[in-house]
Amino acid sequence: DKDLKQSDAAEMLNIKQQQYSEYEEGLRLMPITYSFEFCRCMNI
């Protein structure tokens, strides 16, 4: 919805794109610290 690529979101969280992709696909659980930062960056 924000017209961002996975690599953009990963950069905001200071992680690799592959790691972010695994969170988004549900292959790994995102730590609360990353969830907090994701919400802050996305303003949600």
ModelCIF file with pLDDT and N, C-alpha, C, O atoms, coordinates in Angstrom:
data_MODEL
#
_entry.id   MODEL 
#
_entity.id                         1 
_entity.type                       polymer 
_entity.pdbx_number_of_molecules   1 
#
_entity_poly.entity_id                      1 
_entity_poly.type                           'polypeptide(L)' 
_entity_poly.nstd_linkage                   no 
_entity_poly.nstd_monomer                   no 
_entity_poly.pdbx_seq_one_letter_code       DKDLKQSDAAEMLNIKQQQYSEYEEGLRLMPITYSFEFCRCMNI 
_entity_poly.pdbx_seq_one_letter_code_can   DKDLKQSDAAEMLNIKQQQYSEYEEGLRLMPITYSFEFCRCMNI 
_entity_poly.pdbx_strand_id                 A 
#
loop_
_entity_poly_seq.entity_id 
_entity_poly_seq.num 
_entity_poly_seq.mon_id 
_entity_poly_seq.hetero 
1 1  ASP n 
1 2  LYS n 
1 3  ASP n 
1 4  LEU n 
1 5  LYS n 
1 6  GLN n 
1 7  SER n 
1 8  ASP n 
1 9  ALA n 
1 10 ALA n 
1 11 GLU n 
1 12 MET n 
1 13 LEU n 
1 14 ASN n 
1 15 ILE n 
1 16 LYS n 
1 17 GLN n 
1 18 GLN n 
1 19 GLN n 
1 20 TYR n 
1 21 SER n 
1 22 GLU n 
1 23 TYR n 
1 24 GLU n 
1 25 GLU n 
1 26 GLY n 
1 27 LEU n 
1 28 ARG n 
1 29 LEU n 
1 30 MET n 
1 31 PRO n 
1 32 ILE n 
1 33 THR n 
1 34 TYR n 
1 35 SER n 
1 36 PHE n 
1 37 GLU n 
1 38 PHE n 
1 39 CYS n 
1 40 ARG n 
1 41 CYS n 
1 42 MET n 
1 43 ASN n 
1 44 ILE n 
#
_struct_asym.id          A 
_struct_asym.entity_id   1 
#
loop_
_ma_qa_metric.id 
_ma_qa_metric.mode 
_ma_qa_metric.name 
_ma_qa_metric.software_group_id 
_ma_qa_metric.type 
1 global pLDDT . pLDDT 
2 local  pLDDT . pLDDT 
#
_ma_qa_metric_global.metric_id      1 
_ma_qa_metric_global.metric_value   95.05 
_ma_qa_metric_global.model_id       1 
_ma_qa_metric_global.ordinal_id     1 
#
loop_
_ma_qa_metric_local.label_asym_id 
_ma_qa_metric_local.label_comp_id 
_ma_qa_metric_local.label_seq_id 
_ma_qa_metric_local.metric_id 
_ma_qa_metric_local.metric_value 
_ma_qa_metric_local.model_id 
_ma_qa_metric_local.ordinal_id 
A ASP 1  2 91.00 1 1  
A LYS 2  2 92.00 1 2  
A ASP 3  2 94.00 1 3  
A LEU 4  2 95.00 1 4  
A LYS 5  2 96.00 1 5  
A GLN 6  2 96.00 1 6  
A SER 7  2 97.00 1 7  
A ASP 8  2 96.00 1 8  
A ALA 9  2 95.00 1 9  
A ALA 10 2 97.00 1 10 
A GLU 11 2 97.00 1 11 
A MET 12 2 95.00 1 12 
A LEU 13 2 96.00 1 13 
A ASN 14 2 97.00 1 14 
A ILE 15 2 97.00 1 15 
A LYS 16 2 97.00 1 16 
A GLN 17 2 97.00 1 17 
A GLN 18 2 98.00 1 18 
A GLN 19 2 97.00 1 19 
A TYR 20 2 97.00 1 20 
A SER 21 2 97.00 1 21 
A GLU 22 2 97.00 1 22 
A TYR 23 2 95.00 1 23 
A GLU 24 2 93.00 1 24 
A GLU 25 2 95.00 1 25 
A GLY 26 2 92.00 1 26 
A LEU 27 2 97.00 1 27 
A ARG 28 2 96.00 1 28 
A LEU 29 2 94.00 1 29 
A MET 30 2 94.00 1 30 
A PRO 31 2 95.00 1 31 
A ILE 32 2 94.00 1 32 
A THR 33 2 94.00 1 33 
A TYR 34 2 95.00 1 34 
A SER 35 2 94.00 1 35 
A PHE 36 2 94.00 1 36 
A GLU 37 2 95.00 1 37 
A PHE 38 2 95.00 1 38 
A CYS 39 2 94.00 1 39 
A ARG 40 2 94.00 1 40 
A CYS 41 2 93.00 1 41 
A MET 42 2 93.00 1 42 
A ASN 43 2 93.00 1 43 
A ILE 44 2 92.00 1 44 
#
loop_
_atom_site.group_PDB 
_atom_site.id 
_atom_site.type_symbol 
_atom_site.label_atom_id 
_atom_site.label_alt_id 
_atom_site.label_comp_id 
_atom_site.label_asym_id 
_atom_site.label_entity_id 
_atom_site.label_seq_id 
_atom_site.pdbx_PDB_ins_code 
_atom_site.Cartn_x 
_atom_site.Cartn_y 
_atom_site.Cartn_z 
_atom_site.occupancy 
_atom_site.B_iso_or_equiv 
_atom_site.pdbx_formal_charge 
_atom_site.auth_seq_id 
_atom_site.auth_comp_id 
_atom_site.auth_asym_id 
_atom_site.auth_atom_id 
_atom_site.pdbx_PDB_model_num 
ATOM 1   N N  . ASP A 1 1  ? 0.825  -1.216  0.000  1.00 91.00 ? 1  ASP A N  1 
ATOM 2   C CA . ASP A 1 1  ? 0.000  0.000   0.000  1.00 91.00 ? 1  ASP A CA 1 
ATOM 3   C C  . ASP A 1 1  ? 0.855  1.259   0.000  1.00 91.00 ? 1  ASP A C  1 
ATOM 4   O O  . ASP A 1 1  ? 0.437  2.302   -0.504 1.00 91.00 ? 1  ASP A O  1 
ATOM 5   N N  . LYS A 1 2  ? 2.047  1.159   0.564  1.00 92.00 ? 2  LYS A N  1 
ATOM 6   C CA . LYS A 1 2  ? 2.978  2.294   0.607  1.00 92.00 ? 2  LYS A CA 1 
ATOM 7   C C  . LYS A 1 2  ? 3.899  2.301   -0.615 1.00 92.00 ? 2  LYS A C  1 
ATOM 8   O O  . LYS A 1 2  ? 4.828  3.105   -0.691 1.00 92.00 ? 2  LYS A O  1 
ATOM 9   N N  . ASP A 1 3  ? 3.639  1.397   -1.577 1.00 94.00 ? 3  ASP A N  1 
ATOM 10  C CA . ASP A 1 3  ? 4.461  1.279   -2.797 1.00 94.00 ? 3  ASP A CA 1 
ATOM 11  C C  . ASP A 1 3  ? 5.930  1.007   -2.482 1.00 94.00 ? 3  ASP A C  1 
ATOM 12  O O  . ASP A 1 3  ? 6.829  1.573   -3.105 1.00 94.00 ? 3  ASP A O  1 
ATOM 13  N N  . LEU A 1 4  ? 6.157  0.125   -1.497 1.00 95.00 ? 4  LEU A N  1 
ATOM 14  C CA . LEU A 1 4  ? 7.516  -0.248  -1.122 1.00 95.00 ? 4  LEU A CA 1 
ATOM 15  C C  . LEU A 1 4  ? 7.807  -1.685  -1.537 1.00 95.00 ? 4  LEU A C  1 
ATOM 16  O O  . LEU A 1 4  ? 6.914  -2.532  -1.563 1.00 95.00 ? 4  LEU A O  1 
ATOM 17  N N  . LYS A 1 5  ? 9.060  -1.940  -1.857 1.00 96.00 ? 5  LYS A N  1 
ATOM 18  C CA . LYS A 1 5  ? 9.509  -3.296  -2.144 1.00 96.00 ? 5  LYS A CA 1 
ATOM 19  C C  . LYS A 1 5  ? 9.960  -3.931  -0.830 1.00 96.00 ? 5  LYS A C  1 
ATOM 20  O O  . LYS A 1 5  ? 10.178 -3.236  0.163  1.00 96.00 ? 5  LYS A O  1 
ATOM 21  N N  . GLN A 1 6  ? 10.098 -5.252  -0.836 1.00 96.00 ? 6  GLN A N  1 
ATOM 22  C CA . GLN A 1 6  ? 10.601 -5.927  0.354  1.00 96.00 ? 6  GLN A CA 1 
ATOM 23  C C  . GLN A 1 6  ? 11.964 -5.382  0.741  1.00 96.00 ? 6  GLN A C  1 
ATOM 24  O O  . GLN A 1 6  ? 12.263 -5.237  1.926  1.00 96.00 ? 6  GLN A O  1 
ATOM 25  N N  . SER A 1 7  ? 12.778 -5.085  -0.236 1.00 97.00 ? 7  SER A N  1 
ATOM 26  C CA . SER A 1 7  ? 14.118 -4.557  0.067  1.00 97.00 ? 7  SER A CA 1 
ATOM 27  C C  . SER A 1 7  ? 14.030 -3.201  0.765  1.00 97.00 ? 7  SER A C  1 
ATOM 28  O O  . SER A 1 7  ? 14.876 -2.884  1.600  1.00 97.00 ? 7  SER A O  1 
ATOM 29  N N  . ASP A 1 8  ? 13.019 -2.400  0.433  1.00 96.00 ? 8  ASP A N  1 
ATOM 30  C CA . ASP A 1 8  ? 12.832 -1.115  1.108  1.00 96.00 ? 8  ASP A CA 1 
ATOM 31  C C  . ASP A 1 8  ? 12.477 -1.325  2.580  1.00 96.00 ? 8  ASP A C  1 
ATOM 32  O O  . ASP A 1 8  ? 13.030 -0.667  3.460  1.00 96.00 ? 8  ASP A O  1 
ATOM 33  N N  . ALA A 1 9  ? 11.557 -2.242  2.834  1.00 95.00 ? 9  ALA A N  1 
ATOM 34  C CA . ALA A 1 9  ? 11.151 -2.536  4.212  1.00 95.00 ? 9  ALA A CA 1 
ATOM 35  C C  . ALA A 1 9  ? 12.334 -3.113  4.994  1.00 95.00 ? 9  ALA A C  1 
ATOM 36  O O  . ALA A 1 9  ? 12.547 -2.759  6.154  1.00 95.00 ? 9  ALA A O  1 
ATOM 37  N N  . ALA A 1 10 ? 13.086 -3.983  4.369  1.00 97.00 ? 10 ALA A N  1 
ATOM 38  C CA . ALA A 1 10 ? 14.252 -4.575  5.027  1.00 97.00 ? 10 ALA A CA 1 
ATOM 39  C C  . ALA A 1 10 ? 15.269 -3.497  5.380  1.00 97.00 ? 10 ALA A C  1 
ATOM 40  O O  . ALA A 1 10 ? 15.859 -3.527  6.460  1.00 97.00 ? 10 ALA A O  1 
ATOM 41  N N  . GLU A 1 11 ? 15.471 -2.562  4.490  1.00 97.00 ? 11 GLU A N  1 
ATOM 42  C CA . GLU A 1 11 ? 16.414 -1.477  4.751  1.00 97.00 ? 11 GLU A CA 1 
ATOM 43  C C  . GLU A 1 11 ? 15.953 -0.635  5.941  1.00 97.00 ? 11 GLU A C  1 
ATOM 44  O O  . GLU A 1 11 ? 16.771 -0.237  6.770  1.00 97.00 ? 11 GLU A O  1 
ATOM 45  N N  . MET A 1 12 ? 14.661 -0.363  6.030  1.00 95.00 ? 12 MET A N  1 
ATOM 46  C CA . MET A 1 12 ? 14.135 0.401   7.165  1.00 95.00 ? 12 MET A CA 1 
ATOM 47  C C  . MET A 1 12 ? 14.403 -0.307  8.490  1.00 95.00 ? 12 MET A C  1 
ATOM 48  O O  . MET A 1 12 ? 14.627 0.336   9.515  1.00 95.00 ? 12 MET A O  1 
ATOM 49  N N  . LEU A 1 13 ? 14.377 -1.642  8.457  1.00 96.00 ? 13 LEU A N  1 
ATOM 50  C CA . LEU A 1 13 ? 14.590 -2.428  9.671  1.00 96.00 ? 13 LEU A CA 1 
ATOM 51  C C  . LEU A 1 13 ? 16.058 -2.787  9.883  1.00 96.00 ? 13 LEU A C  1 
ATOM 52  O O  . LEU A 1 13 ? 16.425 -3.391  10.891 1.00 96.00 ? 13 LEU A O  1 
ATOM 53  N N  . ASN A 1 14 ? 16.888 -2.405  8.917  1.00 97.00 ? 14 ASN A N  1 
ATOM 54  C CA . ASN A 1 14 ? 18.321 -2.698  8.957  1.00 97.00 ? 14 ASN A CA 1 
ATOM 55  C C  . ASN A 1 14 ? 18.582 -4.214  8.988  1.00 97.00 ? 14 ASN A C  1 
ATOM 56  O O  . ASN A 1 14 ? 19.416 -4.707  9.747  1.00 97.00 ? 14 ASN A O  1 
ATOM 57  N N  . ILE A 1 15 ? 17.841 -4.928  8.138  1.00 97.00 ? 15 ILE A N  1 
ATOM 58  C CA . ILE A 1 15 ? 18.022 -6.373  7.997  1.00 97.00 ? 15 ILE A CA 1 
ATOM 59  C C  . ILE A 1 15 ? 18.132 -6.706  6.518  1.00 97.00 ? 15 ILE A C  1 
ATOM 60  O O  . ILE A 1 15 ? 17.918 -5.842  5.667  1.00 97.00 ? 15 ILE A O  1 
ATOM 61  N N  . LYS A 1 16 ? 18.463 -7.949  6.208  1.00 97.00 ? 16 LYS A N  1 
ATOM 62  C CA . LYS A 1 16 ? 18.563 -8.377  4.808  1.00 97.00 ? 16 LYS A CA 1 
ATOM 63  C C  . LYS A 1 16 ? 17.164 -8.632  4.239  1.00 97.00 ? 16 LYS A C  1 
ATOM 64  O O  . LYS A 1 16 ? 16.232 -8.967  4.969  1.00 97.00 ? 16 LYS A O  1 
ATOM 65  N N  . GLN A 1 17 ? 17.044 -8.465  2.926  1.00 97.00 ? 17 GLN A N  1 
ATOM 66  C CA . GLN A 1 17 ? 15.768 -8.654  2.245  1.00 97.00 ? 17 GLN A CA 1 
ATOM 67  C C  . GLN A 1 17 ? 15.243 -10.071 2.444  1.00 97.00 ? 17 GLN A C  1 
ATOM 68  O O  . GLN A 1 17 ? 14.044 -10.264 2.644  1.00 97.00 ? 17 GLN A O  1 
ATOM 69  N N  . GLN A 1 18 ? 16.122 -11.057 2.392  1.00 98.00 ? 18 GLN A N  1 
ATOM 70  C CA . GLN A 1 18 ? 15.706 -12.455 2.559  1.00 98.00 ? 18 GLN A CA 1 
ATOM 71  C C  . GLN A 1 18 ? 15.096 -12.673 3.944  1.00 98.00 ? 18 GLN A C  1 
ATOM 72  O O  . GLN A 1 18 ? 14.096 -13.377 4.082  1.00 98.00 ? 18 GLN A O  1 
ATOM 73  N N  . GLN A 1 19 ? 15.691 -12.076 4.950  1.00 97.00 ? 19 GLN A N  1 
ATOM 74  C CA . GLN A 1 19 ? 15.170 -12.191 6.310  1.00 97.00 ? 19 GLN A CA 1 
ATOM 75  C C  . GLN A 1 19 ? 13.778 -11.571 6.398  1.00 97.00 ? 19 GLN A C  1 
ATOM 76  O O  . GLN A 1 19 ? 12.869 -12.166 6.976  1.00 97.00 ? 19 GLN A O  1 
ATOM 77  N N  . TYR A 1 20 ? 13.607 -10.372 5.824  1.00 97.00 ? 20 TYR A N  1 
ATOM 78  C CA . TYR A 1 20 ? 12.297 -9.729  5.817  1.00 97.00 ? 20 TYR A CA 1 
ATOM 79  C C  . TYR A 1 20 ? 11.283 -10.590 5.074  1.00 97.00 ? 20 TYR A C  1 
ATOM 80  O O  . TYR A 1 20 ? 10.151 -10.751 5.530  1.00 97.00 ? 20 TYR A O  1 
ATOM 81  N N  . SER A 1 21 ? 11.681 -11.138 3.943  1.00 97.00 ? 21 SER A N  1 
ATOM 82  C CA . SER A 1 21 ? 10.800 -11.984 3.151  1.00 97.00 ? 21 SER A CA 1 
ATOM 83  C C  . SER A 1 21 ? 10.285 -13.168 3.971  1.00 97.00 ? 21 SER A C  1 
ATOM 84  O O  . SER A 1 21 ? 9.113  -13.532 3.877  1.00 97.00 ? 21 SER A O  1 
ATOM 85  N N  . GLU A 1 22 ? 11.153 -13.757 4.762  1.00 97.00 ? 22 GLU A N  1 
ATOM 86  C CA . GLU A 1 22 ? 10.743 -14.892 5.597  1.00 97.00 ? 22 GLU A CA 1 
ATOM 87  C C  . GLU A 1 22 ? 9.741  -14.471 6.664  1.00 97.00 ? 22 GLU A C  1 
ATOM 88  O O  . GLU A 1 22 ? 8.856  -15.251 7.015  1.00 97.00 ? 22 GLU A O  1 
ATOM 89  N N  . TYR A 1 23 ? 9.863  -13.260 7.185  1.00 95.00 ? 23 TYR A N  1 
ATOM 90  C CA . TYR A 1 23 ? 8.872  -12.750 8.131  1.00 95.00 ? 23 TYR A CA 1 
ATOM 91  C C  . TYR A 1 23 ? 7.531  -12.565 7.422  1.00 95.00 ? 23 TYR A C  1 
ATOM 92  O O  . TYR A 1 23 ? 6.485  -12.974 7.927  1.00 95.00 ? 23 TYR A O  1 
ATOM 93  N N  . GLU A 1 24 ? 7.580  -11.948 6.258  1.00 93.00 ? 24 GLU A N  1 
ATOM 94  C CA . GLU A 1 24 ? 6.357  -11.644 5.514  1.00 93.00 ? 24 GLU A CA 1 
ATOM 95  C C  . GLU A 1 24 ? 5.640  -12.918 5.062  1.00 93.00 ? 24 GLU A C  1 
ATOM 96  O O  . GLU A 1 24 ? 4.410  -12.965 5.043  1.00 93.00 ? 24 GLU A O  1 
ATOM 97  N N  . GLU A 1 25 ? 6.398  -13.939 4.702  1.00 95.00 ? 25 GLU A N  1 
ATOM 98  C CA . GLU A 1 25 ? 5.808  -15.198 4.247  1.00 95.00 ? 25 GLU A CA 1 
ATOM 99  C C  . GLU A 1 25 ? 5.390  -16.110 5.402  1.00 95.00 ? 25 GLU A C  1 
ATOM 100 O O  . GLU A 1 25 ? 4.784  -17.157 5.176  1.00 95.00 ? 25 GLU A O  1 
ATOM 101 N N  . GLY A 1 26 ? 5.708  -15.720 6.623  1.00 92.00 ? 26 GLY A N  1 
ATOM 102 C CA . GLY A 1 26 ? 5.338  -16.522 7.782  1.00 92.00 ? 26 GLY A CA 1 
ATOM 103 C C  . GLY A 1 26 ? 6.269  -17.688 8.046  1.00 92.00 ? 26 GLY A C  1 
ATOM 104 O O  . GLY A 1 26 ? 5.926  -18.602 8.795  1.00 92.00 ? 26 GLY A O  1 
ATOM 105 N N  . LEU A 1 27 ? 7.442  -17.665 7.438  1.00 97.00 ? 27 LEU A N  1 
ATOM 106 C CA . LEU A 1 27 ? 8.409  -18.735 7.646  1.00 97.00 ? 27 LEU A CA 1 
ATOM 107 C C  . LEU A 1 27 ? 9.179  -18.548 8.949  1.00 97.00 ? 27 LEU A C  1 
ATOM 108 O O  . LEU A 1 27 ? 9.700  -19.507 9.519  1.00 97.00 ? 27 LEU A O  1 
ATOM 109 N N  . ARG A 1 28 ? 9.245  -17.294 9.414  1.00 96.00 ? 28 ARG A N  1 
ATOM 110 C CA . ARG A 1 28 ? 9.899  -16.957 10.677 1.00 96.00 ? 28 ARG A CA 1 
ATOM 111 C C  . ARG A 1 28 ? 9.033  -15.941 11.394 1.00 96.00 ? 28 ARG A C  1 
ATOM 112 O O  . ARG A 1 28 ? 8.306  -15.174 10.762 1.00 96.00 ? 28 ARG A O  1 
ATOM 113 N N  . LEU A 1 29 ? 9.112  -15.937 12.715 1.00 94.00 ? 29 LEU A N  1 
ATOM 114 C CA . LEU A 1 29 ? 8.405  -14.932 13.497 1.00 94.00 ? 29 LEU A CA 1 
ATOM 115 C C  . LEU A 1 29 ? 9.259  -13.682 13.614 1.00 94.00 ? 29 LEU A C  1 
ATOM 116 O O  . LEU A 1 29 ? 10.454 -13.756 13.902 1.00 94.00 ? 29 LEU A O  1 
ATOM 117 N N  . MET A 1 30 ? 8.637  -12.537 13.390 1.00 94.00 ? 30 MET A N  1 
ATOM 118 C CA . MET A 1 30 ? 9.353  -11.276 13.490 1.00 94.00 ? 30 MET A CA 1 
ATOM 119 C C  . MET A 1 30 ? 9.481  -10.891 14.966 1.00 94.00 ? 30 MET A C  1 
ATOM 120 O O  . MET A 1 30 ? 8.480  -10.865 15.681 1.00 94.00 ? 30 MET A O  1 
ATOM 121 N N  . PRO A 1 31 ? 10.687 -10.595 15.428 1.00 95.00 ? 31 PRO A N  1 
ATOM 122 C CA . PRO A 1 31 ? 10.859 -10.150 16.808 1.00 95.00 ? 31 PRO A CA 1 
ATOM 123 C C  . PRO A 1 31 ? 10.077 -8.861  17.074 1.00 95.00 ? 31 PRO A C  1 
ATOM 124 O O  . PRO A 1 31 ? 9.871  -8.047  16.173 1.00 95.00 ? 31 PRO A O  1 
ATOM 125 N N  . ILE A 1 32 ? 9.655  -8.696  18.298 1.00 94.00 ? 32 ILE A N  1 
ATOM 126 C CA . ILE A 1 32 ? 8.836  -7.539  18.664 1.00 94.00 ? 32 ILE A CA 1 
ATOM 127 C C  . ILE A 1 32 ? 9.549  -6.220  18.364 1.00 94.00 ? 32 ILE A C  1 
ATOM 128 O O  . ILE A 1 32 ? 8.898  -5.236  18.014 1.00 94.00 ? 32 ILE A O  1 
ATOM 129 N N  . THR A 1 33 ? 10.854 -6.187  18.493 1.00 94.00 ? 33 THR A N  1 
ATOM 130 C CA . THR A 1 33 ? 11.577 -4.945  18.205 1.00 94.00 ? 33 THR A CA 1 
ATOM 131 C C  . THR A 1 33 ? 11.447 -4.557  16.733 1.00 94.00 ? 33 THR A C  1 
ATOM 132 O O  . THR A 1 33 ? 11.313 -3.375  16.414 1.00 94.00 ? 33 THR A O  1 
ATOM 133 N N  . TYR A 1 34 ? 11.486 -5.528  15.848 1.00 95.00 ? 34 TYR A N  1 
ATOM 134 C CA . TYR A 1 34 ? 11.288 -5.239  14.425 1.00 95.00 ? 34 TYR A CA 1 
ATOM 135 C C  . TYR A 1 34 ? 9.832  -4.887  14.145 1.00 95.00 ? 34 TYR A C  1 
ATOM 136 O O  . TYR A 1 34 ? 9.554  -4.007  13.331 1.00 95.00 ? 34 TYR A O  1 
ATOM 137 N N  . SER A 1 35 ? 8.906  -5.563  14.809 1.00 94.00 ? 35 SER A N  1 
ATOM 138 C CA . SER A 1 35 ? 7.488  -5.252  14.625 1.00 94.00 ? 35 SER A CA 1 
ATOM 139 C C  . SER A 1 35 ? 7.208  -3.815  15.038 1.00 94.00 ? 35 SER A C  1 
ATOM 140 O O  . SER A 1 35 ? 6.491  -3.093  14.345 1.00 94.00 ? 35 SER A O  1 
ATOM 141 N N  . PHE A 1 36 ? 7.773  -3.401  16.169 1.00 94.00 ? 36 PHE A N  1 
ATOM 142 C CA . PHE A 1 36 ? 7.601  -2.031  16.646 1.00 94.00 ? 36 PHE A CA 1 
ATOM 143 C C  . PHE A 1 36 ? 8.138  -1.039  15.624 1.00 94.00 ? 36 PHE A C  1 
ATOM 144 O O  . PHE A 1 36 ? 7.475  -0.056  15.295 1.00 94.00 ? 36 PHE A O  1 
ATOM 145 N N  . GLU A 1 37 ? 9.336  -1.302  15.126 1.00 95.00 ? 37 GLU A N  1 
ATOM 146 C CA . GLU A 1 37 ? 9.961  -0.396  14.157 1.00 95.00 ? 37 GLU A CA 1 
ATOM 147 C C  . GLU A 1 37 ? 9.182  -0.380  12.840 1.00 95.00 ? 37 GLU A C  1 
ATOM 148 O O  . GLU A 1 37 ? 9.037  0.675   12.222 1.00 95.00 ? 37 GLU A O  1 
ATOM 149 N N  . PHE A 1 38 ? 8.682  -1.536  12.408 1.00 95.00 ? 38 PHE A N  1 
ATOM 150 C CA . PHE A 1 38 ? 7.873  -1.614  11.188 1.00 95.00 ? 38 PHE A CA 1 
ATOM 151 C C  . PHE A 1 38 ? 6.635  -0.732  11.334 1.00 95.00 ? 38 PHE A C  1 
ATOM 152 O O  . PHE A 1 38 ? 6.317  0.053   10.441 1.00 95.00 ? 38 PHE A O  1 
ATOM 153 N N  . CYS A 1 39 ? 5.938  -0.864  12.461 1.00 94.00 ? 39 CYS A N  1 
ATOM 154 C CA . CYS A 1 39 ? 4.732  -0.056  12.696 1.00 94.00 ? 39 CYS A CA 1 
ATOM 155 C C  . CYS A 1 39 ? 5.065  1.426   12.724 1.00 94.00 ? 39 CYS A C  1 
ATOM 156 O O  . CYS A 1 39 ? 4.334  2.241   12.162 1.00 94.00 ? 39 CYS A O  1 
ATOM 157 N N  . ARG A 1 40 ? 6.161  1.774   13.373 1.00 94.00 ? 40 ARG A N  1 
ATOM 158 C CA . ARG A 1 40 ? 6.566  3.168   13.455 1.00 94.00 ? 40 ARG A CA 1 
ATOM 159 C C  . ARG A 1 40 ? 6.864  3.728   12.061 1.00 94.00 ? 40 ARG A C  1 
ATOM 160 O O  . ARG A 1 40 ? 6.412  4.820   11.715 1.00 94.00 ? 40 ARG A O  1 
ATOM 161 N N  . CYS A 1 41 ? 7.615  2.984   11.277 1.00 93.00 ? 41 CYS A N  1 
ATOM 162 C CA . CYS A 1 41 ? 7.975  3.442   9.926  1.00 93.00 ? 41 CYS A CA 1 
ATOM 163 C C  . CYS A 1 41 ? 6.764  3.532   9.004  1.00 93.00 ? 41 CYS A C  1 
ATOM 164 O O  . CYS A 1 41 ? 6.686  4.430   8.165  1.00 93.00 ? 41 CYS A O  1 
ATOM 165 N N  . MET A 1 42 ? 5.831  2.616   9.156  1.00 93.00 ? 42 MET A N  1 
ATOM 166 C CA . MET A 1 42 ? 4.649  2.583   8.298  1.00 93.00 ? 42 MET A CA 1 
ATOM 167 C C  . MET A 1 42 ? 3.511  3.463   8.819  1.00 93.00 ? 42 MET A C  1 
ATOM 168 O O  . MET A 1 42 ? 2.492  3.643   8.152  1.00 93.00 ? 42 MET A O  1 
ATOM 169 N N  . ASN A 1 43 ? 3.706  4.010   10.027 1.00 93.00 ? 43 ASN A N  1 
ATOM 170 C CA . ASN A 1 43 ? 2.702  4.865   10.657 1.00 93.00 ? 43 ASN A CA 1 
ATOM 171 C C  . ASN A 1 43 ? 1.363  4.127   10.833 1.00 93.00 ? 43 ASN A C  1 
ATOM 172 O O  . ASN A 1 43 ? 0.297  4.641   10.493 1.00 93.00 ? 43 ASN A O  1 
ATOM 173 N N  . ILE A 1 44 ? 1.460  2.909   11.375 1.00 92.00 ? 44 ILE A N  1 
ATOM 174 C CA . ILE A 1 44 ? 0.271  2.103   11.658 1.00 92.00 ? 44 ILE A CA 1 
ATOM 175 C C  . ILE A 1 44 ? 0.353  1.589   13.091 1.00 92.00 ? 44 ILE A C  1 
ATOM 176 O O  . ILE A 1 44 ? -0.547 0.884   13.547 1.00 92.00 ? 44 ILE A O  1 
#
